[in-house]
């Protein structure tokens, strides 16, 4: 499957989960132990904004990651940024060359794959934390697993990923990706 299709599916899947978050769930815990539902939802909004900027070949500034997007219309904001990101990445030129992010230059396909994987992993996190189903496309799950397999050690050194969790070799691709990132694929909300 082409990267553009993977990216669009990741955006769509995450948008469905963001739309399902209820205001009374914002303080609930998530599989991301450092973030509650509010912080995780805000991070997904940051990712959608970064993805939009990167697709338009604008620098993704470090300040973006400290920005609070959690106003009253957060789900609409995610939908808007997601649509804008999908439109930007629909242009063939978006996939060429380098994108500036965090003071570094990275190949555009790598940025898109990184953000698609981030949307998949954190979409699952948010769905689990809020009692929603998460429908990850098989191709998105496979691409996410490949990306995390390639980046796991670097991610752990940067504090992005935790110690891997053991899962069977035959586990589904999303479960393997979650486990490589340090998440237990069987995680359930503590009050469930």
N, C-alpha and C. Protein backbone atom coordinates (compact mmCIF):
# COMPACT_ATOMS: atom_id res chain seq x y z
N UNK A 1 0.85 -1.18 0.00
CA UNK A 1 0.00 0.00 0.00
C UNK A 1 0.89 1.24 0.00
N UNK A 2 0.50 2.24 -0.73
CA UNK A 2 1.29 3.46 -0.79
C UNK A 2 1.25 4.20 0.54
N UNK A 3 2.34 4.94 0.79
CA UNK A 3 2.43 5.69 2.05
C UNK A 3 1.29 6.68 2.21
N UNK A 4 0.86 7.31 1.14
CA UNK A 4 -0.22 8.28 1.25
C UNK A 4 -1.50 7.61 1.76
N UNK A 5 -1.80 6.42 1.27
CA UNK A 5 -2.99 5.70 1.73
C UNK A 5 -2.85 5.31 3.19
N UNK A 6 -1.65 4.88 3.60
CA UNK A 6 -1.41 4.55 5.01
C UNK A 6 -1.63 5.78 5.90
N UNK A 7 -1.10 6.89 5.46
CA UNK A 7 -1.24 8.12 6.22
C UNK A 7 -2.71 8.51 6.37
N UNK A 8 -3.45 8.43 5.28
CA UNK A 8 -4.87 8.77 5.32
C UNK A 8 -5.64 7.85 6.26
N UNK A 9 -5.33 6.56 6.23
CA UNK A 9 -6.01 5.63 7.13
C UNK A 9 -5.66 5.91 8.58
N UNK A 10 -4.41 6.23 8.85
CA UNK A 10 -4.00 6.56 10.23
C UNK A 10 -4.74 7.79 10.74
N UNK A 11 -4.86 8.80 9.89
CA UNK A 11 -5.57 10.02 10.25
C UNK A 11 -7.04 9.71 10.53
N UNK A 12 -7.66 8.95 9.65
CA UNK A 12 -9.08 8.62 9.78
C UNK A 12 -9.35 7.82 11.05
N UNK A 13 -8.49 6.83 11.33
CA UNK A 13 -8.67 5.99 12.51
C UNK A 13 -8.49 6.79 13.79
N UNK A 14 -7.49 7.66 13.82
CA UNK A 14 -7.27 8.49 15.01
C UNK A 14 -8.41 9.49 15.20
N UNK A 15 -8.90 10.05 14.09
CA UNK A 15 -9.99 11.03 14.17
C UNK A 15 -11.23 10.42 14.80
N UNK A 16 -11.53 9.18 14.46
CA UNK A 16 -12.71 8.51 15.02
C UNK A 16 -12.57 8.38 16.54
N UNK A 17 -11.37 8.09 17.01
CA UNK A 17 -11.17 7.94 18.45
C UNK A 17 -11.22 9.30 19.14
N UNK A 18 -10.55 10.29 18.57
CA UNK A 18 -10.57 11.64 19.17
C UNK A 18 -12.01 12.13 19.27
N UNK A 19 -12.81 11.89 18.25
CA UNK A 19 -14.20 12.32 18.26
C UNK A 19 -14.99 11.62 19.37
N UNK A 20 -14.58 10.43 19.76
CA UNK A 20 -15.30 9.67 20.79
C UNK A 20 -14.92 9.99 22.22
N UNK A 21 -13.94 10.86 22.42
CA UNK A 21 -13.53 11.22 23.79
C UNK A 21 -14.58 12.13 24.40
N UNK A 22 -15.01 11.79 25.61
CA UNK A 22 -15.99 12.60 26.32
C UNK A 22 -15.28 13.51 27.33
N UNK A 23 -15.79 14.71 27.53
CA UNK A 23 -15.14 15.65 28.47
C UNK A 23 -14.90 15.07 29.86
N UNK A 24 -15.79 14.19 30.34
CA UNK A 24 -15.60 13.63 31.68
C UNK A 24 -14.53 12.55 31.73
N UNK A 25 -13.92 12.23 30.58
CA UNK A 25 -12.85 11.23 30.53
C UNK A 25 -11.45 11.85 30.53
N UNK A 26 -11.36 13.17 30.47
CA UNK A 26 -10.08 13.82 30.24
C UNK A 26 -9.04 13.56 31.33
N UNK A 27 -9.45 13.25 32.53
CA UNK A 27 -8.48 13.00 33.59
C UNK A 27 -8.18 11.51 33.77
N UNK A 28 -8.74 10.66 32.94
CA UNK A 28 -8.53 9.21 33.05
C UNK A 28 -7.11 8.82 32.66
N UNK A 29 -6.59 7.74 33.27
CA UNK A 29 -5.25 7.26 32.90
C UNK A 29 -5.25 6.62 31.53
N UNK A 30 -4.05 6.51 30.95
CA UNK A 30 -3.88 5.91 29.63
C UNK A 30 -2.72 4.92 29.68
N UNK A 31 -2.55 4.10 28.65
CA UNK A 31 -1.38 3.23 28.58
C UNK A 31 -0.07 4.03 28.53
N UNK A 32 -0.13 5.30 28.13
CA UNK A 32 1.03 6.20 28.19
C UNK A 32 1.09 6.72 29.62
N UNK A 33 1.89 6.12 30.44
CA UNK A 33 1.83 6.39 31.87
C UNK A 33 2.09 7.84 32.24
N UNK A 34 2.76 8.59 31.39
CA UNK A 34 3.02 10.00 31.69
C UNK A 34 1.86 10.91 31.32
N UNK A 35 0.88 10.41 30.58
CA UNK A 35 -0.20 11.25 30.07
C UNK A 35 -1.57 10.72 30.48
N UNK A 36 -2.44 11.64 30.87
CA UNK A 36 -3.85 11.29 31.02
C UNK A 36 -4.53 11.48 29.67
N UNK A 37 -5.84 11.27 29.61
CA UNK A 37 -6.56 11.37 28.34
C UNK A 37 -6.43 12.77 27.74
N UNK A 38 -6.49 13.79 28.57
CA UNK A 38 -6.38 15.16 28.06
C UNK A 38 -5.03 15.38 27.38
N UNK A 39 -3.94 15.01 28.05
CA UNK A 39 -2.60 15.20 27.50
C UNK A 39 -2.41 14.37 26.23
N UNK A 40 -2.93 13.16 26.22
CA UNK A 40 -2.80 12.29 25.05
C UNK A 40 -3.59 12.84 23.87
N UNK A 41 -4.79 13.32 24.13
CA UNK A 41 -5.60 13.93 23.07
C UNK A 41 -4.89 15.17 22.53
N UNK A 42 -4.33 15.97 23.42
CA UNK A 42 -3.59 17.15 22.99
C UNK A 42 -2.40 16.75 22.12
N UNK A 43 -1.70 15.67 22.51
CA UNK A 43 -0.57 15.20 21.70
C UNK A 43 -1.04 14.81 20.29
N UNK A 44 -2.16 14.13 20.18
CA UNK A 44 -2.66 13.76 18.86
C UNK A 44 -2.98 15.01 18.04
N UNK A 45 -3.48 16.05 18.68
CA UNK A 45 -3.72 17.32 17.99
C UNK A 45 -2.40 17.94 17.54
N UNK A 46 -1.37 17.83 18.36
CA UNK A 46 -0.05 18.33 17.98
C UNK A 46 0.48 17.57 16.78
N UNK A 47 0.30 16.25 16.78
CA UNK A 47 0.77 15.42 15.67
C UNK A 47 0.04 15.80 14.38
N UNK A 48 -1.27 15.98 14.45
CA UNK A 48 -2.02 16.37 13.25
C UNK A 48 -1.53 17.72 12.71
N UNK A 49 -1.26 18.65 13.61
CA UNK A 49 -0.76 19.96 13.19
C UNK A 49 0.63 19.83 12.57
N UNK A 50 1.50 19.05 13.20
CA UNK A 50 2.85 18.83 12.67
C UNK A 50 2.80 18.15 11.30
N UNK A 51 1.92 17.20 11.17
CA UNK A 51 1.77 16.48 9.91
C UNK A 51 1.31 17.44 8.80
N UNK A 52 0.41 18.33 9.13
CA UNK A 52 -0.05 19.34 8.18
C UNK A 52 1.10 20.25 7.76
N UNK A 53 1.84 20.76 8.74
CA UNK A 53 2.98 21.63 8.42
C UNK A 53 4.01 20.91 7.56
N UNK A 54 4.35 19.68 7.95
CA UNK A 54 5.35 18.92 7.21
C UNK A 54 4.91 18.66 5.78
N UNK A 55 3.64 18.36 5.59
CA UNK A 55 3.12 18.11 4.25
C UNK A 55 3.17 19.35 3.36
N UNK A 56 3.11 20.51 3.99
CA UNK A 56 3.20 21.77 3.24
C UNK A 56 4.64 22.26 3.15
N UNK A 57 5.57 21.49 3.64
CA UNK A 57 6.99 21.82 3.63
C UNK A 57 7.32 23.02 4.50
N UNK A 58 6.54 23.20 5.54
CA UNK A 58 6.85 24.23 6.51
C UNK A 58 7.60 23.57 7.66
N UNK A 59 8.48 24.31 8.29
CA UNK A 59 9.22 23.79 9.43
C UNK A 59 8.26 23.44 10.56
N UNK A 60 8.47 22.28 11.16
CA UNK A 60 7.70 21.89 12.35
C UNK A 60 8.50 22.41 13.54
N UNK A 61 8.04 23.51 14.17
CA UNK A 61 8.82 24.13 15.23
C UNK A 61 8.75 23.34 16.54
N UNK A 62 9.81 23.39 17.32
CA UNK A 62 9.83 22.71 18.62
C UNK A 62 8.70 23.20 19.51
N UNK A 63 8.32 24.48 19.38
CA UNK A 63 7.29 25.07 20.23
C UNK A 63 5.93 24.38 20.04
N UNK A 64 5.73 23.75 18.88
CA UNK A 64 4.46 23.08 18.62
C UNK A 64 4.17 22.03 19.69
N UNK A 65 5.22 21.34 20.14
CA UNK A 65 5.04 20.23 21.08
C UNK A 65 4.69 20.70 22.49
N UNK A 66 4.80 22.00 22.75
CA UNK A 66 4.39 22.53 24.05
C UNK A 66 3.05 23.24 23.99
N UNK A 67 2.45 23.27 22.83
CA UNK A 67 1.21 24.03 22.64
C UNK A 67 -0.01 23.24 23.14
N UNK A 68 -0.94 23.95 23.76
CA UNK A 68 -2.18 23.35 24.24
C UNK A 68 -3.29 23.61 23.22
N UNK A 69 -3.77 22.54 22.61
CA UNK A 69 -4.82 22.63 21.61
C UNK A 69 -6.20 22.25 22.17
N UNK A 70 -6.27 22.01 23.47
CA UNK A 70 -7.49 21.46 24.04
C UNK A 70 -8.52 22.53 24.40
N UNK A 71 -8.99 23.21 23.37
CA UNK A 71 -10.09 24.13 23.59
C UNK A 71 -11.40 23.35 23.46
N UNK A 72 -12.49 24.05 23.45
CA UNK A 72 -13.80 23.41 23.43
C UNK A 72 -14.03 22.53 22.21
N UNK A 73 -13.46 22.87 21.08
CA UNK A 73 -13.72 22.12 19.85
C UNK A 73 -12.57 21.23 19.42
N UNK A 74 -11.98 20.49 20.35
CA UNK A 74 -10.78 19.73 20.00
C UNK A 74 -11.04 18.69 18.90
N UNK A 75 -12.19 18.02 18.90
CA UNK A 75 -12.45 17.00 17.88
C UNK A 75 -12.56 17.64 16.50
N UNK A 76 -13.25 18.79 16.42
CA UNK A 76 -13.34 19.49 15.15
C UNK A 76 -11.97 19.96 14.68
N UNK A 77 -11.15 20.42 15.63
CA UNK A 77 -9.79 20.86 15.29
C UNK A 77 -8.99 19.70 14.70
N UNK A 78 -9.10 18.52 15.33
CA UNK A 78 -8.38 17.36 14.80
C UNK A 78 -8.87 17.03 13.39
N UNK A 79 -10.19 17.02 13.20
CA UNK A 79 -10.74 16.75 11.87
C UNK A 79 -10.20 17.74 10.84
N UNK A 80 -10.20 19.03 11.20
CA UNK A 80 -9.72 20.06 10.27
C UNK A 80 -8.24 19.88 9.94
N UNK A 81 -7.42 19.68 10.97
CA UNK A 81 -5.98 19.49 10.75
C UNK A 81 -5.72 18.20 9.99
N UNK A 82 -6.48 17.16 10.30
CA UNK A 82 -6.31 15.89 9.60
C UNK A 82 -6.64 16.00 8.13
N UNK A 83 -7.75 16.68 7.82
CA UNK A 83 -8.10 16.88 6.40
C UNK A 83 -7.05 17.73 5.69
N UNK A 84 -6.58 18.78 6.36
CA UNK A 84 -5.56 19.64 5.76
C UNK A 84 -4.26 18.87 5.54
N UNK A 85 -3.89 18.02 6.51
CA UNK A 85 -2.68 17.20 6.36
C UNK A 85 -2.84 16.22 5.20
N UNK A 86 -3.98 15.56 5.12
CA UNK A 86 -4.22 14.62 4.02
C UNK A 86 -4.14 15.32 2.67
N UNK A 87 -4.70 16.52 2.58
CA UNK A 87 -4.65 17.28 1.32
C UNK A 87 -3.21 17.67 0.98
N UNK A 88 -2.45 18.08 2.00
CA UNK A 88 -1.05 18.46 1.75
C UNK A 88 -0.24 17.27 1.26
N UNK A 89 -0.41 16.11 1.89
CA UNK A 89 0.36 14.93 1.52
C UNK A 89 -0.16 14.28 0.24
N UNK A 90 -1.33 14.69 -0.24
CA UNK A 90 -1.85 14.17 -1.50
C UNK A 90 -1.07 14.72 -2.69
N UNK A 91 -0.31 15.78 -2.48
CA UNK A 91 0.51 16.37 -3.54
C UNK A 91 1.79 15.54 -3.70
N UNK A 92 2.10 15.08 -4.89
CA UNK A 92 3.30 14.26 -5.09
C UNK A 92 4.58 14.94 -4.57
N UNK A 93 4.65 16.25 -4.67
CA UNK A 93 5.85 16.96 -4.22
C UNK A 93 6.07 16.86 -2.71
N UNK A 94 5.01 16.57 -1.96
CA UNK A 94 5.15 16.45 -0.51
C UNK A 94 6.05 15.29 -0.12
N UNK A 95 6.16 14.31 -0.98
CA UNK A 95 6.91 13.09 -0.68
C UNK A 95 8.38 13.18 -1.10
N UNK A 96 8.76 14.31 -1.64
CA UNK A 96 10.13 14.47 -2.13
C UNK A 96 10.94 15.31 -1.17
N UNK A 97 12.22 15.02 -1.10
CA UNK A 97 13.13 15.87 -0.34
C UNK A 97 13.04 15.70 1.16
N UNK A 98 13.45 16.76 1.84
CA UNK A 98 13.59 16.73 3.30
C UNK A 98 12.56 17.66 3.95
N UNK A 99 12.27 17.35 5.22
CA UNK A 99 11.38 18.16 6.04
C UNK A 99 12.17 18.58 7.28
N UNK A 100 12.04 19.84 7.66
CA UNK A 100 12.74 20.35 8.84
C UNK A 100 11.86 20.20 10.07
N UNK A 101 12.41 19.50 11.07
CA UNK A 101 11.67 19.30 12.31
C UNK A 101 12.66 19.22 13.46
N UNK A 102 12.43 20.05 14.47
CA UNK A 102 13.27 20.01 15.65
C UNK A 102 14.72 20.30 15.36
N UNK A 103 14.97 21.16 14.40
CA UNK A 103 16.33 21.51 14.07
C UNK A 103 17.05 20.48 13.22
N UNK A 104 16.35 19.43 12.82
CA UNK A 104 16.95 18.38 11.99
C UNK A 104 16.18 18.27 10.68
N UNK A 105 16.86 17.77 9.68
CA UNK A 105 16.24 17.51 8.38
C UNK A 105 16.02 16.00 8.27
N UNK A 106 14.80 15.62 7.89
CA UNK A 106 14.49 14.20 7.72
C UNK A 106 13.79 14.01 6.38
N UNK A 107 14.00 12.86 5.74
CA UNK A 107 13.30 12.60 4.47
C UNK A 107 11.79 12.62 4.68
N UNK A 108 11.09 13.22 3.74
CA UNK A 108 9.64 13.35 3.84
C UNK A 108 8.94 12.00 4.08
N UNK A 109 9.28 10.92 3.36
CA UNK A 109 8.60 9.65 3.64
C UNK A 109 8.82 9.16 5.07
N UNK A 110 10.00 9.42 5.63
CA UNK A 110 10.26 9.00 7.01
C UNK A 110 9.37 9.79 7.99
N UNK A 111 9.24 11.09 7.77
CA UNK A 111 8.38 11.92 8.62
C UNK A 111 6.94 11.42 8.55
N UNK A 112 6.46 11.17 7.35
CA UNK A 112 5.08 10.71 7.18
C UNK A 112 4.86 9.37 7.86
N UNK A 113 5.81 8.45 7.71
CA UNK A 113 5.70 7.14 8.35
C UNK A 113 5.76 7.27 9.86
N UNK A 114 6.63 8.14 10.36
CA UNK A 114 6.74 8.36 11.81
C UNK A 114 5.41 8.87 12.36
N UNK A 115 4.82 9.87 11.69
CA UNK A 115 3.56 10.42 12.19
C UNK A 115 2.40 9.44 12.04
N UNK A 116 2.38 8.67 10.95
CA UNK A 116 1.33 7.67 10.78
C UNK A 116 1.42 6.63 11.90
N UNK A 117 2.64 6.23 12.24
CA UNK A 117 2.84 5.27 13.33
C UNK A 117 2.44 5.87 14.68
N UNK A 118 2.78 7.13 14.88
CA UNK A 118 2.41 7.82 16.12
C UNK A 118 0.89 7.88 16.26
N UNK A 119 0.20 8.20 15.16
CA UNK A 119 -1.26 8.24 15.20
C UNK A 119 -1.83 6.86 15.51
N UNK A 120 -1.24 5.81 14.95
CA UNK A 120 -1.73 4.45 15.20
C UNK A 120 -1.53 4.05 16.66
N UNK A 121 -0.32 4.23 17.17
CA UNK A 121 -0.04 3.82 18.55
C UNK A 121 -0.87 4.64 19.53
N UNK A 122 -0.87 5.96 19.37
CA UNK A 122 -1.60 6.80 20.31
C UNK A 122 -3.11 6.75 20.09
N UNK A 123 -3.54 6.42 18.87
CA UNK A 123 -4.97 6.17 18.64
C UNK A 123 -5.42 4.98 19.46
N UNK A 124 -4.59 3.92 19.47
CA UNK A 124 -4.89 2.75 20.29
C UNK A 124 -4.89 3.14 21.77
N UNK A 125 -3.87 3.88 22.20
CA UNK A 125 -3.80 4.32 23.61
C UNK A 125 -5.10 5.02 24.02
N UNK A 126 -5.51 5.97 23.19
CA UNK A 126 -6.68 6.78 23.53
C UNK A 126 -7.95 5.94 23.51
N UNK A 127 -8.05 5.03 22.55
CA UNK A 127 -9.23 4.15 22.50
C UNK A 127 -9.30 3.29 23.76
N UNK A 128 -8.18 2.71 24.15
CA UNK A 128 -8.16 1.88 25.36
C UNK A 128 -8.54 2.68 26.59
N UNK A 129 -8.01 3.88 26.70
CA UNK A 129 -8.24 4.70 27.88
C UNK A 129 -9.69 5.19 27.99
N UNK A 130 -10.39 5.25 26.85
CA UNK A 130 -11.75 5.80 26.84
C UNK A 130 -12.81 4.75 26.51
N UNK A 131 -12.42 3.47 26.51
CA UNK A 131 -13.38 2.39 26.31
C UNK A 131 -13.92 2.30 24.89
N UNK A 132 -13.14 2.76 23.92
CA UNK A 132 -13.57 2.69 22.52
C UNK A 132 -12.89 1.54 21.80
N UNK A 133 -13.51 1.12 20.71
CA UNK A 133 -12.87 0.16 19.82
C UNK A 133 -11.88 0.93 18.96
N UNK A 134 -10.79 0.26 18.61
CA UNK A 134 -9.82 0.86 17.70
C UNK A 134 -9.67 -0.06 16.51
N UNK A 135 -9.96 0.46 15.34
CA UNK A 135 -9.92 -0.32 14.11
C UNK A 135 -8.69 0.07 13.31
N UNK A 136 -7.59 -0.62 13.55
CA UNK A 136 -6.34 -0.32 12.84
C UNK A 136 -6.27 -1.18 11.59
N UNK A 137 -6.17 -0.54 10.46
CA UNK A 137 -6.00 -1.22 9.19
C UNK A 137 -4.77 -2.12 9.25
N UNK A 138 -4.85 -3.29 8.65
CA UNK A 138 -3.73 -4.24 8.69
C UNK A 138 -2.45 -3.65 8.10
N UNK A 139 -2.57 -2.91 7.01
CA UNK A 139 -1.39 -2.32 6.39
C UNK A 139 -0.77 -1.24 7.29
N UNK A 140 -1.63 -0.48 7.96
CA UNK A 140 -1.13 0.53 8.91
C UNK A 140 -0.42 -0.17 10.06
N UNK A 141 -1.01 -1.24 10.56
CA UNK A 141 -0.39 -1.99 11.67
C UNK A 141 0.97 -2.54 11.25
N UNK A 142 1.06 -3.11 10.04
CA UNK A 142 2.34 -3.66 9.56
C UNK A 142 3.38 -2.55 9.41
N UNK A 143 2.99 -1.42 8.82
CA UNK A 143 3.93 -0.31 8.65
C UNK A 143 4.38 0.23 10.01
N UNK A 144 3.46 0.31 10.96
CA UNK A 144 3.80 0.79 12.31
C UNK A 144 4.77 -0.18 12.97
N UNK A 145 4.53 -1.46 12.83
CA UNK A 145 5.43 -2.46 13.42
C UNK A 145 6.82 -2.37 12.80
N UNK A 146 6.89 -2.21 11.48
CA UNK A 146 8.21 -2.07 10.83
C UNK A 146 8.92 -0.82 11.32
N UNK A 147 8.19 0.29 11.41
CA UNK A 147 8.80 1.55 11.84
C UNK A 147 9.33 1.42 13.27
N UNK A 148 8.52 0.88 14.16
CA UNK A 148 8.95 0.78 15.56
C UNK A 148 10.08 -0.24 15.70
N UNK A 149 10.04 -1.31 14.92
CA UNK A 149 11.15 -2.27 14.93
C UNK A 149 12.45 -1.56 14.57
N UNK A 150 12.40 -0.74 13.54
CA UNK A 150 13.59 -0.02 13.09
C UNK A 150 14.05 1.05 14.07
N UNK A 151 13.11 1.66 14.77
CA UNK A 151 13.43 2.83 15.61
C UNK A 151 13.40 2.55 17.11
N UNK A 152 13.10 1.31 17.51
CA UNK A 152 12.87 1.03 18.93
C UNK A 152 14.04 1.39 19.83
N UNK A 153 15.24 0.99 19.47
CA UNK A 153 16.39 1.29 20.33
C UNK A 153 16.64 2.79 20.45
N UNK A 154 16.59 3.47 19.32
CA UNK A 154 16.76 4.92 19.35
C UNK A 154 15.65 5.57 20.17
N UNK A 155 14.43 5.08 20.00
CA UNK A 155 13.30 5.60 20.77
C UNK A 155 13.46 5.39 22.26
N UNK A 156 13.98 4.24 22.65
CA UNK A 156 14.22 3.99 24.08
C UNK A 156 15.31 4.92 24.62
N UNK A 157 16.36 5.13 23.84
CA UNK A 157 17.42 6.04 24.27
C UNK A 157 16.91 7.46 24.44
N UNK A 158 15.91 7.84 23.64
CA UNK A 158 15.34 9.18 23.71
C UNK A 158 14.22 9.28 24.74
N UNK A 159 13.87 8.14 25.36
CA UNK A 159 12.80 8.14 26.35
C UNK A 159 11.40 8.11 25.75
N UNK A 160 11.31 7.83 24.46
CA UNK A 160 10.01 7.78 23.78
C UNK A 160 9.34 6.43 24.01
N UNK A 161 10.13 5.37 23.98
CA UNK A 161 9.61 4.02 24.18
C UNK A 161 10.13 3.46 25.49
N UNK A 162 9.33 2.60 26.11
CA UNK A 162 9.72 1.93 27.35
C UNK A 162 10.31 0.55 27.02
N UNK A 163 10.63 -0.19 28.04
CA UNK A 163 11.14 -1.54 27.88
C UNK A 163 10.10 -2.38 27.15
N UNK A 164 10.52 -3.17 26.16
CA UNK A 164 9.54 -3.97 25.41
C UNK A 164 8.79 -4.95 26.31
N UNK A 165 7.57 -5.24 25.92
CA UNK A 165 6.72 -6.21 26.59
C UNK A 165 6.72 -7.48 25.75
N UNK A 166 6.79 -8.62 26.39
CA UNK A 166 6.81 -9.89 25.65
C UNK A 166 5.42 -10.21 25.09
N UNK A 167 5.40 -10.55 23.81
CA UNK A 167 4.18 -11.05 23.15
C UNK A 167 4.60 -12.22 22.26
N UNK A 168 3.69 -13.11 21.94
CA UNK A 168 4.04 -14.22 21.05
C UNK A 168 4.49 -13.72 19.68
N UNK A 169 5.39 -14.45 19.05
CA UNK A 169 5.86 -14.09 17.71
C UNK A 169 4.71 -14.00 16.71
N UNK A 170 3.67 -14.79 16.95
CA UNK A 170 2.53 -14.82 16.03
C UNK A 170 1.47 -13.77 16.37
N UNK A 171 1.76 -12.89 17.32
CA UNK A 171 0.79 -11.85 17.69
C UNK A 171 0.52 -10.95 16.49
N UNK A 172 -0.67 -10.34 16.44
CA UNK A 172 -0.96 -9.41 15.34
C UNK A 172 0.07 -8.27 15.30
N UNK A 173 0.24 -7.68 14.13
CA UNK A 173 1.25 -6.64 13.93
C UNK A 173 1.09 -5.48 14.89
N UNK A 174 -0.15 -5.03 15.14
CA UNK A 174 -0.34 -3.91 16.06
C UNK A 174 0.09 -4.29 17.46
N UNK A 175 -0.23 -5.50 17.90
CA UNK A 175 0.21 -5.95 19.23
C UNK A 175 1.73 -5.98 19.33
N UNK A 176 2.40 -6.45 18.27
CA UNK A 176 3.86 -6.47 18.27
C UNK A 176 4.43 -5.06 18.33
N UNK A 177 3.82 -4.14 17.58
CA UNK A 177 4.27 -2.74 17.60
C UNK A 177 4.07 -2.13 18.99
N UNK A 178 2.91 -2.37 19.58
CA UNK A 178 2.64 -1.86 20.92
C UNK A 178 3.66 -2.40 21.91
N UNK A 179 3.91 -3.71 21.84
CA UNK A 179 4.84 -4.35 22.76
C UNK A 179 6.26 -3.79 22.58
N UNK A 180 6.68 -3.59 21.34
CA UNK A 180 8.01 -3.02 21.09
C UNK A 180 8.13 -1.61 21.66
N UNK A 181 7.01 -0.87 21.69
CA UNK A 181 7.04 0.49 22.23
C UNK A 181 6.95 0.50 23.76
N UNK A 182 6.78 -0.68 24.36
CA UNK A 182 6.72 -0.77 25.82
C UNK A 182 5.31 -0.80 26.38
N UNK A 183 4.33 -1.02 25.51
CA UNK A 183 2.93 -1.08 25.96
C UNK A 183 2.48 -2.54 26.04
N UNK A 184 1.62 -2.81 27.00
CA UNK A 184 1.00 -4.12 27.11
C UNK A 184 -0.25 -4.12 26.23
N UNK A 185 -0.28 -4.91 25.17
CA UNK A 185 -1.46 -4.93 24.30
C UNK A 185 -2.76 -5.33 25.02
N UNK A 186 -2.63 -5.90 26.21
CA UNK A 186 -3.81 -6.29 26.99
C UNK A 186 -4.24 -5.23 27.99
N UNK A 187 -3.58 -4.05 27.94
CA UNK A 187 -3.88 -2.99 28.90
C UNK A 187 -5.38 -2.68 28.90
N UNK A 188 -5.92 -2.53 30.08
CA UNK A 188 -7.33 -2.14 30.22
C UNK A 188 -7.41 -1.03 31.24
N UNK A 189 -8.38 -0.15 31.07
CA UNK A 189 -8.60 0.95 32.01
C UNK A 189 -8.75 0.36 33.41
N UNK A 190 -8.09 0.94 34.41
CA UNK A 190 -8.11 0.38 35.77
C UNK A 190 -9.51 0.19 36.35
N UNK A 191 -10.49 0.94 35.90
CA UNK A 191 -11.84 0.81 36.45
C UNK A 191 -12.71 -0.09 35.59
N UNK A 192 -12.13 -0.65 34.51
CA UNK A 192 -12.94 -1.52 33.62
C UNK A 192 -13.18 -2.87 34.23
